[in-house]
């Protein structure tokens, strides 16, 4: 990672927004994305116990995805169709995979969800990564393809290569990169991991 370029991006961002994400000038963007409320919702409802309720999990995922401003308007109806097309056994499998992703074997859950979405041709990074991010916003990362590619290129990360098909290896590599970036910047630039990638997107 090119630390000089990271610190240059930091200086540029703080010149425009001296208080980081607490700066009043960023309030319109924060309201648009409504991240705080979706974090509260996701953490409150997707408990381990609730993740055993298949229909509840399906309707909750649909609600979160439909309200997520970071998922494109093209992907949202595709995801709705995916949820509505699931039979009872598939809903059980989805709920199990979500429970694993959030509360158990995270890699297994990721791969199970990805497999189900791929079968319906909607294995997209935004859809895969949104709910885990809202559930654990300082641990998990939201992967927006253009943003991820630009960050990797700007910071000259030679050992991480973006992959269009969601894969656990890329996800963990990208998360490791974002964690490393977080250690180098003020806390005001990283209230959560999506904000941190947003700062990089706005500065590069």
N, C-alpha and C. Protein backbone atom coordinates (compact mmCIF):
# COMPACT_ATOMS: atom_id res chain seq x y z
N UNK A 1 0.84 -1.19 0.00
CA UNK A 1 0.00 0.00 0.00
C UNK A 1 0.88 1.25 0.00
N UNK A 2 0.54 2.19 -0.87
CA UNK A 2 1.30 3.43 -0.97
C UNK A 2 0.80 4.42 0.09
N UNK A 3 1.53 4.51 1.21
CA UNK A 3 1.09 5.36 2.32
C UNK A 3 1.14 6.83 1.96
N UNK A 4 2.07 7.23 1.11
CA UNK A 4 2.15 8.63 0.71
C UNK A 4 0.86 9.06 0.00
N UNK A 5 0.37 8.20 -0.88
CA UNK A 5 -0.87 8.52 -1.60
C UNK A 5 -2.07 8.50 -0.66
N UNK A 6 -2.06 7.58 0.30
CA UNK A 6 -3.14 7.55 1.29
C UNK A 6 -3.17 8.84 2.10
N UNK A 7 -2.01 9.28 2.56
CA UNK A 7 -1.96 10.49 3.37
C UNK A 7 -2.28 11.73 2.54
N UNK A 8 -1.96 11.70 1.26
CA UNK A 8 -2.34 12.81 0.37
C UNK A 8 -3.86 12.86 0.23
N UNK A 9 -4.49 11.70 0.08
CA UNK A 9 -5.95 11.64 0.00
C UNK A 9 -6.58 12.13 1.29
N UNK A 10 -5.99 11.75 2.40
CA UNK A 10 -6.48 12.19 3.70
C UNK A 10 -6.41 13.71 3.82
N UNK A 11 -5.29 14.28 3.44
CA UNK A 11 -5.12 15.74 3.52
C UNK A 11 -6.12 16.46 2.63
N UNK A 12 -6.34 15.92 1.43
CA UNK A 12 -7.29 16.53 0.50
C UNK A 12 -8.71 16.49 1.07
N UNK A 13 -9.08 15.36 1.65
CA UNK A 13 -10.43 15.22 2.20
C UNK A 13 -10.64 16.15 3.39
N UNK A 14 -9.65 16.20 4.28
CA UNK A 14 -9.79 17.04 5.48
C UNK A 14 -9.72 18.52 5.15
N UNK A 15 -9.13 18.86 4.03
CA UNK A 15 -9.14 20.26 3.61
C UNK A 15 -10.56 20.70 3.26
N UNK A 16 -11.31 19.77 2.64
CA UNK A 16 -12.70 20.07 2.28
C UNK A 16 -13.65 19.86 3.46
N UNK A 17 -13.36 18.85 4.26
CA UNK A 17 -14.25 18.49 5.38
C UNK A 17 -13.40 18.35 6.64
N UNK A 18 -13.06 19.47 7.29
CA UNK A 18 -12.12 19.45 8.42
C UNK A 18 -12.52 18.53 9.57
N UNK A 19 -13.80 18.31 9.76
CA UNK A 19 -14.25 17.45 10.85
C UNK A 19 -14.51 16.01 10.39
N UNK A 20 -14.01 15.67 9.22
CA UNK A 20 -14.24 14.33 8.70
C UNK A 20 -15.72 14.10 8.47
N UNK A 21 -16.21 12.93 8.86
CA UNK A 21 -17.62 12.62 8.63
C UNK A 21 -18.54 13.28 9.65
N UNK A 22 -17.96 14.02 10.59
CA UNK A 22 -18.77 14.85 11.48
C UNK A 22 -18.97 16.25 10.91
N UNK A 23 -18.37 16.52 9.76
CA UNK A 23 -18.48 17.84 9.15
C UNK A 23 -19.90 18.09 8.66
N UNK A 24 -20.48 19.25 8.99
CA UNK A 24 -21.85 19.56 8.56
C UNK A 24 -22.05 19.49 7.05
N UNK A 25 -21.01 19.75 6.28
CA UNK A 25 -21.14 19.73 4.82
C UNK A 25 -21.45 18.33 4.28
N UNK A 26 -21.19 17.30 5.08
CA UNK A 26 -21.45 15.93 4.64
C UNK A 26 -22.82 15.41 5.08
N UNK A 27 -23.58 16.23 5.80
CA UNK A 27 -24.89 15.78 6.29
C UNK A 27 -25.82 15.32 5.17
N UNK A 28 -25.89 16.05 4.04
CA UNK A 28 -26.79 15.58 2.96
C UNK A 28 -26.45 14.18 2.45
N UNK A 29 -25.15 13.89 2.34
CA UNK A 29 -24.72 12.56 1.89
C UNK A 29 -25.07 11.51 2.93
N UNK A 30 -24.87 11.83 4.21
CA UNK A 30 -25.17 10.88 5.28
C UNK A 30 -26.66 10.58 5.34
N UNK A 31 -27.48 11.61 5.14
CA UNK A 31 -28.94 11.40 5.15
C UNK A 31 -29.37 10.54 3.97
N UNK A 32 -28.74 10.76 2.82
CA UNK A 32 -29.08 9.99 1.63
C UNK A 32 -28.84 8.50 1.85
N UNK A 33 -27.73 8.16 2.47
CA UNK A 33 -27.37 6.75 2.63
C UNK A 33 -27.99 6.11 3.88
N UNK A 34 -28.33 6.92 4.88
CA UNK A 34 -29.09 6.41 6.02
C UNK A 34 -28.44 5.19 6.67
N UNK A 35 -27.12 5.20 6.71
CA UNK A 35 -26.39 4.02 7.18
C UNK A 35 -26.70 3.70 8.64
N UNK A 36 -26.76 4.74 9.47
CA UNK A 36 -26.98 4.52 10.90
C UNK A 36 -28.25 3.75 11.20
N UNK A 37 -29.34 4.13 10.56
CA UNK A 37 -30.62 3.46 10.83
C UNK A 37 -30.62 2.02 10.33
N UNK A 38 -29.97 1.79 9.19
CA UNK A 38 -29.91 0.42 8.67
C UNK A 38 -29.00 -0.47 9.52
N UNK A 39 -27.97 0.12 10.10
CA UNK A 39 -27.13 -0.63 11.05
C UNK A 39 -27.97 -1.03 12.26
N UNK A 40 -28.70 -0.06 12.82
CA UNK A 40 -29.54 -0.35 13.99
C UNK A 40 -30.57 -1.43 13.68
N UNK A 41 -31.23 -1.31 12.53
CA UNK A 41 -32.24 -2.29 12.14
C UNK A 41 -31.64 -3.69 12.00
N UNK A 42 -30.56 -3.78 11.25
CA UNK A 42 -29.95 -5.09 10.98
C UNK A 42 -29.47 -5.76 12.25
N UNK A 43 -28.82 -5.00 13.11
CA UNK A 43 -28.32 -5.58 14.36
C UNK A 43 -29.45 -5.99 15.29
N UNK A 44 -30.55 -5.25 15.25
CA UNK A 44 -31.68 -5.55 16.14
C UNK A 44 -32.45 -6.79 15.70
N UNK A 45 -32.62 -6.96 14.40
CA UNK A 45 -33.53 -8.02 13.93
C UNK A 45 -32.85 -9.32 13.52
N UNK A 46 -31.61 -9.25 13.05
CA UNK A 46 -30.95 -10.48 12.58
C UNK A 46 -30.13 -11.12 13.70
N UNK A 47 -30.81 -11.35 14.82
CA UNK A 47 -30.18 -12.08 15.91
C UNK A 47 -30.04 -13.54 15.52
N UNK A 48 -29.22 -14.26 16.27
CA UNK A 48 -29.04 -15.68 15.95
C UNK A 48 -30.37 -16.43 16.04
N UNK A 49 -31.18 -16.08 17.03
CA UNK A 49 -32.48 -16.75 17.18
C UNK A 49 -33.40 -16.44 16.00
N UNK A 50 -33.46 -15.16 15.60
CA UNK A 50 -34.33 -14.79 14.49
C UNK A 50 -33.88 -15.40 13.17
N UNK A 51 -32.58 -15.67 13.06
CA UNK A 51 -32.06 -16.26 11.83
C UNK A 51 -32.48 -17.72 11.66
N UNK A 52 -33.19 -18.25 12.65
CA UNK A 52 -33.75 -19.60 12.53
C UNK A 52 -35.16 -19.58 11.93
N UNK A 53 -35.68 -18.38 11.68
CA UNK A 53 -37.04 -18.22 11.15
C UNK A 53 -36.94 -17.88 9.66
N UNK A 54 -37.16 -18.86 8.83
CA UNK A 54 -36.87 -18.74 7.40
C UNK A 54 -37.62 -17.60 6.72
N UNK A 55 -38.93 -17.53 6.93
CA UNK A 55 -39.71 -16.48 6.28
C UNK A 55 -39.32 -15.11 6.80
N UNK A 56 -39.02 -15.03 8.09
CA UNK A 56 -38.60 -13.76 8.68
C UNK A 56 -37.29 -13.29 8.06
N UNK A 57 -36.34 -14.21 7.91
CA UNK A 57 -35.05 -13.86 7.31
C UNK A 57 -35.25 -13.38 5.88
N UNK A 58 -36.06 -14.07 5.11
CA UNK A 58 -36.28 -13.69 3.71
C UNK A 58 -36.88 -12.29 3.61
N UNK A 59 -37.90 -12.01 4.42
CA UNK A 59 -38.55 -10.69 4.36
C UNK A 59 -37.63 -9.60 4.88
N UNK A 60 -36.81 -9.93 5.88
CA UNK A 60 -35.87 -8.94 6.43
C UNK A 60 -34.78 -8.60 5.43
N UNK A 61 -34.23 -9.61 4.77
CA UNK A 61 -33.21 -9.35 3.75
C UNK A 61 -33.78 -8.47 2.65
N UNK A 62 -35.00 -8.75 2.23
CA UNK A 62 -35.63 -7.96 1.17
C UNK A 62 -35.81 -6.52 1.62
N UNK A 63 -36.22 -6.32 2.87
CA UNK A 63 -36.41 -4.97 3.40
C UNK A 63 -35.10 -4.20 3.45
N UNK A 64 -34.04 -4.84 3.92
CA UNK A 64 -32.74 -4.17 4.03
C UNK A 64 -32.19 -3.82 2.65
N UNK A 65 -32.23 -4.78 1.75
CA UNK A 65 -31.70 -4.54 0.40
C UNK A 65 -32.49 -3.45 -0.31
N UNK A 66 -33.80 -3.44 -0.14
CA UNK A 66 -34.62 -2.43 -0.82
C UNK A 66 -34.35 -1.03 -0.29
N UNK A 67 -33.89 -0.92 0.96
CA UNK A 67 -33.63 0.38 1.58
C UNK A 67 -32.17 0.81 1.46
N UNK A 68 -31.34 -0.06 0.93
CA UNK A 68 -29.90 0.23 0.83
C UNK A 68 -29.60 1.10 -0.38
N UNK A 69 -29.16 2.31 -0.15
CA UNK A 69 -28.87 3.24 -1.25
C UNK A 69 -27.63 2.84 -2.02
N UNK A 70 -26.82 1.95 -1.46
CA UNK A 70 -25.57 1.56 -2.10
C UNK A 70 -25.75 0.41 -3.09
N UNK A 71 -26.96 -0.16 -3.13
CA UNK A 71 -27.29 -1.20 -4.10
C UNK A 71 -28.06 -0.56 -5.24
N UNK A 72 -27.71 -0.89 -6.47
CA UNK A 72 -28.28 -0.20 -7.63
C UNK A 72 -29.76 -0.52 -7.80
N UNK A 73 -30.44 0.38 -8.48
CA UNK A 73 -31.88 0.20 -8.73
C UNK A 73 -32.14 -0.95 -9.69
N UNK A 74 -31.12 -1.43 -10.37
CA UNK A 74 -31.27 -2.59 -11.24
C UNK A 74 -31.18 -3.89 -10.44
N UNK A 75 -30.34 -3.88 -9.40
CA UNK A 75 -30.14 -5.09 -8.61
C UNK A 75 -31.28 -5.35 -7.62
N UNK A 76 -31.94 -4.28 -7.17
CA UNK A 76 -33.00 -4.45 -6.17
C UNK A 76 -34.17 -5.30 -6.67
N UNK A 77 -34.73 -5.01 -7.86
CA UNK A 77 -35.83 -5.87 -8.34
C UNK A 77 -35.38 -7.30 -8.62
N UNK A 78 -34.12 -7.47 -9.03
CA UNK A 78 -33.60 -8.83 -9.24
C UNK A 78 -33.57 -9.60 -7.92
N UNK A 79 -33.17 -8.91 -6.86
CA UNK A 79 -33.13 -9.56 -5.56
C UNK A 79 -34.54 -9.88 -5.06
N UNK A 80 -35.47 -8.97 -5.30
CA UNK A 80 -36.86 -9.23 -4.91
C UNK A 80 -37.40 -10.46 -5.63
N UNK A 81 -37.09 -10.57 -6.91
CA UNK A 81 -37.52 -11.74 -7.68
C UNK A 81 -36.89 -13.02 -7.11
N UNK A 82 -35.62 -12.94 -6.75
CA UNK A 82 -34.93 -14.08 -6.14
C UNK A 82 -35.64 -14.53 -4.87
N UNK A 83 -35.94 -13.59 -3.98
CA UNK A 83 -36.61 -13.94 -2.71
C UNK A 83 -37.98 -14.55 -2.97
N UNK A 84 -38.74 -13.93 -3.86
CA UNK A 84 -40.10 -14.40 -4.13
C UNK A 84 -40.13 -15.77 -4.81
N UNK A 85 -39.04 -16.12 -5.49
CA UNK A 85 -38.98 -17.39 -6.22
C UNK A 85 -38.57 -18.57 -5.34
N UNK A 86 -38.12 -18.30 -4.12
CA UNK A 86 -37.63 -19.38 -3.26
C UNK A 86 -38.78 -20.23 -2.73
N UNK A 87 -38.60 -21.54 -2.77
CA UNK A 87 -39.59 -22.41 -2.13
C UNK A 87 -39.21 -22.59 -0.66
N UNK A 88 -39.98 -23.37 0.06
CA UNK A 88 -39.79 -23.51 1.50
C UNK A 88 -38.40 -24.05 1.85
N UNK A 89 -37.95 -25.07 1.14
CA UNK A 89 -36.63 -25.64 1.42
C UNK A 89 -35.52 -24.64 1.13
N UNK A 90 -35.68 -23.87 0.06
CA UNK A 90 -34.66 -22.87 -0.30
C UNK A 90 -34.63 -21.74 0.73
N UNK A 91 -35.78 -21.37 1.26
CA UNK A 91 -35.82 -20.35 2.32
C UNK A 91 -35.12 -20.85 3.58
N UNK A 92 -35.32 -22.12 3.88
CA UNK A 92 -34.62 -22.71 5.02
C UNK A 92 -33.10 -22.67 4.79
N UNK A 93 -32.68 -22.99 3.58
CA UNK A 93 -31.25 -22.99 3.25
C UNK A 93 -30.68 -21.58 3.32
N UNK A 94 -31.45 -20.60 2.85
CA UNK A 94 -30.99 -19.21 2.90
C UNK A 94 -30.85 -18.74 4.34
N UNK A 95 -31.84 -19.05 5.17
CA UNK A 95 -31.78 -18.65 6.58
C UNK A 95 -30.58 -19.28 7.27
N UNK A 96 -30.32 -20.55 6.98
CA UNK A 96 -29.16 -21.22 7.57
C UNK A 96 -27.87 -20.54 7.13
N UNK A 97 -27.78 -20.20 5.84
CA UNK A 97 -26.58 -19.56 5.31
C UNK A 97 -26.37 -18.18 5.94
N UNK A 98 -27.45 -17.43 6.11
CA UNK A 98 -27.34 -16.10 6.74
C UNK A 98 -26.91 -16.25 8.20
N UNK A 99 -27.46 -17.23 8.89
CA UNK A 99 -27.06 -17.46 10.28
C UNK A 99 -25.57 -17.79 10.37
N UNK A 100 -25.10 -18.61 9.45
CA UNK A 100 -23.67 -18.93 9.42
C UNK A 100 -22.85 -17.68 9.13
N UNK A 101 -23.29 -16.90 8.15
CA UNK A 101 -22.52 -15.71 7.74
C UNK A 101 -22.40 -14.70 8.87
N UNK A 102 -23.46 -14.53 9.65
CA UNK A 102 -23.45 -13.51 10.69
C UNK A 102 -23.01 -14.04 12.05
N UNK A 103 -23.30 -15.30 12.34
CA UNK A 103 -23.11 -15.80 13.70
C UNK A 103 -22.25 -17.06 13.81
N UNK A 104 -21.88 -17.65 12.68
CA UNK A 104 -21.16 -18.93 12.75
C UNK A 104 -19.93 -18.96 11.87
N UNK A 105 -19.90 -19.91 10.96
CA UNK A 105 -18.79 -20.07 10.02
C UNK A 105 -18.98 -19.08 8.87
N UNK A 106 -18.31 -17.94 8.97
CA UNK A 106 -18.58 -16.84 8.04
C UNK A 106 -18.23 -17.19 6.59
N UNK A 107 -17.15 -17.91 6.41
CA UNK A 107 -16.79 -18.30 5.05
C UNK A 107 -17.84 -19.25 4.46
N UNK A 108 -18.26 -20.23 5.22
CA UNK A 108 -19.27 -21.17 4.73
C UNK A 108 -20.56 -20.43 4.39
N UNK A 109 -20.97 -19.50 5.26
CA UNK A 109 -22.18 -18.73 5.00
C UNK A 109 -22.06 -17.90 3.74
N UNK A 110 -20.91 -17.25 3.57
CA UNK A 110 -20.66 -16.45 2.37
C UNK A 110 -20.80 -17.30 1.12
N UNK A 111 -20.15 -18.45 1.12
CA UNK A 111 -20.15 -19.30 -0.07
C UNK A 111 -21.52 -19.91 -0.35
N UNK A 112 -22.26 -20.22 0.70
CA UNK A 112 -23.61 -20.75 0.51
C UNK A 112 -24.55 -19.69 -0.08
N UNK A 113 -24.48 -18.48 0.46
CA UNK A 113 -25.31 -17.38 -0.07
C UNK A 113 -24.92 -17.09 -1.52
N UNK A 114 -23.62 -17.03 -1.77
CA UNK A 114 -23.14 -16.75 -3.13
C UNK A 114 -23.63 -17.82 -4.10
N UNK A 115 -23.59 -19.07 -3.67
CA UNK A 115 -24.05 -20.16 -4.54
C UNK A 115 -25.52 -20.04 -4.88
N UNK A 116 -26.34 -19.69 -3.89
CA UNK A 116 -27.77 -19.53 -4.14
C UNK A 116 -28.03 -18.36 -5.08
N UNK A 117 -27.34 -17.25 -4.85
CA UNK A 117 -27.53 -16.08 -5.71
C UNK A 117 -27.02 -16.35 -7.12
N UNK A 118 -25.91 -17.06 -7.24
CA UNK A 118 -25.36 -17.37 -8.57
C UNK A 118 -26.33 -18.23 -9.36
N UNK A 119 -27.01 -19.14 -8.69
CA UNK A 119 -27.99 -20.00 -9.36
C UNK A 119 -29.10 -19.17 -9.99
N UNK A 120 -29.40 -18.03 -9.37
CA UNK A 120 -30.44 -17.13 -9.89
C UNK A 120 -29.83 -15.94 -10.65
N UNK A 121 -28.54 -16.04 -10.93
CA UNK A 121 -27.82 -15.03 -11.73
C UNK A 121 -27.84 -13.64 -11.08
N UNK A 122 -27.74 -13.60 -9.75
CA UNK A 122 -27.66 -12.31 -9.07
C UNK A 122 -26.58 -12.32 -7.99
N UNK A 123 -25.49 -13.03 -8.26
CA UNK A 123 -24.35 -13.04 -7.33
C UNK A 123 -23.54 -11.77 -7.56
N UNK A 124 -24.01 -10.67 -6.99
CA UNK A 124 -23.37 -9.36 -7.14
C UNK A 124 -22.72 -8.96 -5.82
N UNK A 125 -21.59 -8.28 -5.92
CA UNK A 125 -20.87 -7.89 -4.71
C UNK A 125 -21.72 -7.05 -3.76
N UNK A 126 -22.45 -6.09 -4.29
CA UNK A 126 -23.24 -5.21 -3.43
C UNK A 126 -24.27 -6.01 -2.64
N UNK A 127 -24.94 -6.92 -3.32
CA UNK A 127 -25.98 -7.73 -2.68
C UNK A 127 -25.36 -8.67 -1.64
N UNK A 128 -24.23 -9.26 -1.98
CA UNK A 128 -23.55 -10.21 -1.08
C UNK A 128 -23.06 -9.52 0.20
N UNK A 129 -22.56 -8.30 0.07
CA UNK A 129 -21.83 -7.68 1.18
C UNK A 129 -22.63 -6.69 2.01
N UNK A 130 -23.82 -6.28 1.57
CA UNK A 130 -24.56 -5.23 2.26
C UNK A 130 -24.99 -5.63 3.67
N UNK A 131 -25.68 -6.75 3.79
CA UNK A 131 -26.23 -7.13 5.10
C UNK A 131 -25.12 -7.42 6.13
N UNK A 132 -24.08 -8.18 5.79
CA UNK A 132 -23.00 -8.35 6.77
C UNK A 132 -22.36 -7.02 7.19
N UNK A 133 -22.24 -6.08 6.24
CA UNK A 133 -21.69 -4.77 6.61
C UNK A 133 -22.58 -4.08 7.63
N UNK A 134 -23.88 -4.03 7.38
CA UNK A 134 -24.79 -3.38 8.33
C UNK A 134 -24.79 -4.09 9.68
N UNK A 135 -24.58 -5.38 9.68
CA UNK A 135 -24.57 -6.14 10.93
C UNK A 135 -23.30 -5.85 11.75
N UNK A 136 -22.17 -5.71 11.09
CA UNK A 136 -20.89 -5.48 11.78
C UNK A 136 -20.10 -4.43 11.00
N UNK A 137 -20.50 -3.15 11.08
CA UNK A 137 -19.97 -2.11 10.18
C UNK A 137 -18.51 -1.74 10.38
N UNK A 138 -17.92 -2.15 11.49
CA UNK A 138 -16.50 -1.86 11.69
C UNK A 138 -15.62 -3.09 11.46
N UNK A 139 -16.27 -4.23 11.23
CA UNK A 139 -15.52 -5.45 10.94
C UNK A 139 -15.66 -5.86 9.47
N UNK A 140 -16.89 -5.83 8.98
CA UNK A 140 -17.16 -6.26 7.61
C UNK A 140 -17.06 -5.08 6.65
N UNK A 141 -16.95 -5.37 5.36
CA UNK A 141 -16.83 -4.30 4.36
C UNK A 141 -17.93 -4.42 3.32
N UNK A 142 -18.36 -3.27 2.84
CA UNK A 142 -19.28 -3.23 1.71
C UNK A 142 -18.44 -3.11 0.45
N UNK A 143 -18.66 -4.02 -0.49
CA UNK A 143 -17.85 -4.04 -1.72
C UNK A 143 -18.66 -3.46 -2.87
N UNK A 144 -18.31 -2.24 -3.25
CA UNK A 144 -18.88 -1.63 -4.45
C UNK A 144 -17.81 -1.75 -5.53
N UNK A 145 -18.09 -2.45 -6.63
CA UNK A 145 -17.03 -2.79 -7.59
C UNK A 145 -16.16 -1.63 -8.03
N UNK A 146 -16.77 -0.54 -8.50
CA UNK A 146 -15.97 0.58 -9.00
C UNK A 146 -15.10 1.16 -7.90
N UNK A 147 -15.68 1.33 -6.71
CA UNK A 147 -14.92 1.87 -5.58
C UNK A 147 -13.77 0.95 -5.20
N UNK A 148 -14.03 -0.34 -5.11
CA UNK A 148 -12.98 -1.29 -4.74
C UNK A 148 -11.83 -1.27 -5.75
N UNK A 149 -12.17 -1.29 -7.03
CA UNK A 149 -11.12 -1.27 -8.07
C UNK A 149 -10.30 0.02 -7.99
N UNK A 150 -10.98 1.15 -7.79
CA UNK A 150 -10.27 2.44 -7.73
C UNK A 150 -9.35 2.52 -6.52
N UNK A 151 -9.81 2.01 -5.38
CA UNK A 151 -8.99 2.04 -4.17
C UNK A 151 -7.74 1.19 -4.34
N UNK A 152 -7.92 -0.01 -4.87
CA UNK A 152 -6.78 -0.91 -5.09
C UNK A 152 -5.77 -0.29 -6.05
N UNK A 153 -6.29 0.32 -7.11
CA UNK A 153 -5.39 0.95 -8.09
C UNK A 153 -4.70 2.17 -7.50
N UNK A 154 -5.46 3.03 -6.82
CA UNK A 154 -4.89 4.26 -6.28
C UNK A 154 -3.81 3.97 -5.24
N UNK A 155 -4.07 3.01 -4.37
CA UNK A 155 -3.11 2.70 -3.30
C UNK A 155 -2.01 1.74 -3.75
N UNK A 156 -2.05 1.35 -5.03
CA UNK A 156 -1.01 0.52 -5.63
C UNK A 156 -0.81 -0.79 -4.85
N UNK A 157 -1.92 -1.47 -4.62
CA UNK A 157 -1.88 -2.74 -3.90
C UNK A 157 -1.67 -3.85 -4.93
N UNK A 158 -0.46 -4.34 -5.02
CA UNK A 158 -0.10 -5.25 -6.11
C UNK A 158 -0.56 -6.69 -5.90
N UNK A 159 -0.84 -7.06 -4.65
CA UNK A 159 -1.17 -8.46 -4.38
C UNK A 159 -2.67 -8.69 -4.19
N UNK A 160 -3.49 -7.72 -4.60
CA UNK A 160 -4.94 -7.87 -4.50
C UNK A 160 -5.56 -7.48 -5.83
N UNK A 161 -6.30 -8.39 -6.42
CA UNK A 161 -6.88 -8.16 -7.74
C UNK A 161 -8.40 -8.35 -7.68
N UNK A 162 -9.11 -7.33 -8.11
CA UNK A 162 -10.58 -7.37 -8.08
C UNK A 162 -11.11 -8.52 -8.93
N UNK A 163 -12.13 -9.18 -8.42
CA UNK A 163 -12.81 -10.24 -9.17
C UNK A 163 -14.30 -9.93 -9.22
N UNK A 164 -14.87 -9.97 -10.41
CA UNK A 164 -16.29 -9.64 -10.58
C UNK A 164 -17.19 -10.64 -9.87
N UNK A 165 -16.83 -11.91 -9.93
CA UNK A 165 -17.60 -12.94 -9.21
C UNK A 165 -17.19 -12.93 -7.74
N UNK A 166 -18.13 -12.72 -6.83
CA UNK A 166 -17.77 -12.70 -5.41
C UNK A 166 -17.07 -13.98 -4.95
N UNK A 167 -15.91 -13.79 -4.35
CA UNK A 167 -15.15 -14.91 -3.80
C UNK A 167 -14.61 -14.51 -2.43
N UNK A 168 -14.57 -15.48 -1.55
CA UNK A 168 -14.14 -15.22 -0.18
C UNK A 168 -12.70 -14.71 -0.12
N UNK A 169 -11.83 -15.23 -0.98
CA UNK A 169 -10.43 -14.81 -0.96
C UNK A 169 -10.30 -13.32 -1.24
N UNK A 170 -11.03 -12.82 -2.24
CA UNK A 170 -10.96 -11.39 -2.50
C UNK A 170 -11.58 -10.61 -1.36
N UNK A 171 -12.70 -11.07 -0.87
CA UNK A 171 -13.38 -10.36 0.22
C UNK A 171 -12.45 -10.18 1.42
N UNK A 172 -11.80 -11.25 1.84
CA UNK A 172 -10.93 -11.15 3.01
C UNK A 172 -9.70 -10.29 2.71
N UNK A 173 -9.21 -10.34 1.48
CA UNK A 173 -8.08 -9.49 1.11
C UNK A 173 -8.45 -8.02 1.12
N UNK A 174 -9.63 -7.72 0.61
CA UNK A 174 -10.10 -6.33 0.60
C UNK A 174 -10.37 -5.85 2.02
N UNK A 175 -10.95 -6.70 2.83
CA UNK A 175 -11.21 -6.34 4.23
C UNK A 175 -9.90 -6.08 4.97
N UNK A 176 -8.89 -6.89 4.69
CA UNK A 176 -7.58 -6.69 5.31
C UNK A 176 -6.99 -5.34 4.89
N UNK A 177 -7.17 -4.98 3.62
CA UNK A 177 -6.68 -3.69 3.13
C UNK A 177 -7.39 -2.55 3.85
N UNK A 178 -8.71 -2.62 3.95
CA UNK A 178 -9.47 -1.55 4.60
C UNK A 178 -9.10 -1.44 6.07
N UNK A 179 -8.85 -2.57 6.72
CA UNK A 179 -8.41 -2.55 8.12
C UNK A 179 -7.05 -1.86 8.25
N UNK A 180 -6.16 -2.12 7.31
CA UNK A 180 -4.83 -1.48 7.32
C UNK A 180 -4.95 0.02 7.09
N UNK A 181 -5.83 0.42 6.17
CA UNK A 181 -6.06 1.84 5.91
C UNK A 181 -6.58 2.52 7.17
N UNK A 182 -7.50 1.86 7.85
CA UNK A 182 -8.14 2.43 9.04
C UNK A 182 -7.11 2.75 10.13
N UNK A 183 -6.08 1.94 10.21
CA UNK A 183 -5.03 2.18 11.21
C UNK A 183 -4.21 3.42 10.90
N UNK A 184 -4.26 3.89 9.65
CA UNK A 184 -3.41 5.00 9.23
C UNK A 184 -4.12 6.35 9.22
N UNK A 185 -5.43 6.37 9.41
CA UNK A 185 -6.18 7.63 9.27
C UNK A 185 -6.89 7.98 10.58
N UNK A 186 -7.27 9.25 10.74
CA UNK A 186 -8.00 9.65 11.95
C UNK A 186 -9.35 8.93 12.06
N UNK A 187 -9.83 8.78 13.28
CA UNK A 187 -11.10 8.11 13.52
C UNK A 187 -12.26 8.82 12.84
N UNK A 188 -12.12 10.12 12.64
CA UNK A 188 -13.20 10.89 12.01
C UNK A 188 -13.43 10.50 10.56
N UNK A 189 -12.46 9.80 9.97
CA UNK A 189 -12.61 9.34 8.58
C UNK A 189 -13.12 7.91 8.51
N UNK A 190 -13.29 7.27 9.67
CA UNK A 190 -13.68 5.86 9.64
C UNK A 190 -14.70 5.52 10.73
N UNK A 191 -15.85 6.22 10.76
CA UNK A 191 -16.88 5.83 11.72
C UNK A 191 -17.41 4.43 11.46
N UNK A 192 -17.31 4.01 10.20
CA UNK A 192 -17.61 2.64 9.81
C UNK A 192 -16.84 2.37 8.52
N UNK A 193 -16.81 1.12 8.09
CA UNK A 193 -15.96 0.78 6.94
C UNK A 193 -16.48 1.30 5.61
N UNK A 194 -17.80 1.48 5.49
CA UNK A 194 -18.33 2.06 4.25
C UNK A 194 -17.95 3.53 4.15
N UNK A 195 -17.99 4.24 5.27
CA UNK A 195 -17.57 5.64 5.27
C UNK A 195 -16.10 5.75 4.89
N UNK A 196 -15.28 4.85 5.41
CA UNK A 196 -13.85 4.87 5.08
C UNK A 196 -13.62 4.69 3.59
N UNK A 197 -14.32 3.74 2.98
CA UNK A 197 -14.16 3.58 1.52
C UNK A 197 -14.76 4.76 0.78
N UNK A 198 -15.79 5.37 1.37
CA UNK A 198 -16.37 6.57 0.77
C UNK A 198 -15.39 7.73 0.76
N UNK A 199 -14.65 7.88 1.86
CA UNK A 199 -13.62 8.92 1.92
C UNK A 199 -12.58 8.71 0.81
N UNK A 200 -12.17 7.47 0.63
CA UNK A 200 -11.19 7.18 -0.42
C UNK A 200 -11.78 7.43 -1.80
N UNK A 201 -13.04 7.08 -2.00
CA UNK A 201 -13.69 7.30 -3.28
C UNK A 201 -13.77 8.80 -3.61
N UNK A 202 -14.07 9.60 -2.60
CA UNK A 202 -14.22 11.04 -2.81
C UNK A 202 -12.87 11.75 -2.97
N UNK A 203 -11.79 11.08 -2.58
CA UNK A 203 -10.48 11.74 -2.55
C UNK A 203 -9.53 11.26 -3.63
N UNK A 204 -9.90 10.24 -4.40
CA UNK A 204 -8.96 9.67 -5.38
C UNK A 204 -9.45 9.89 -6.80
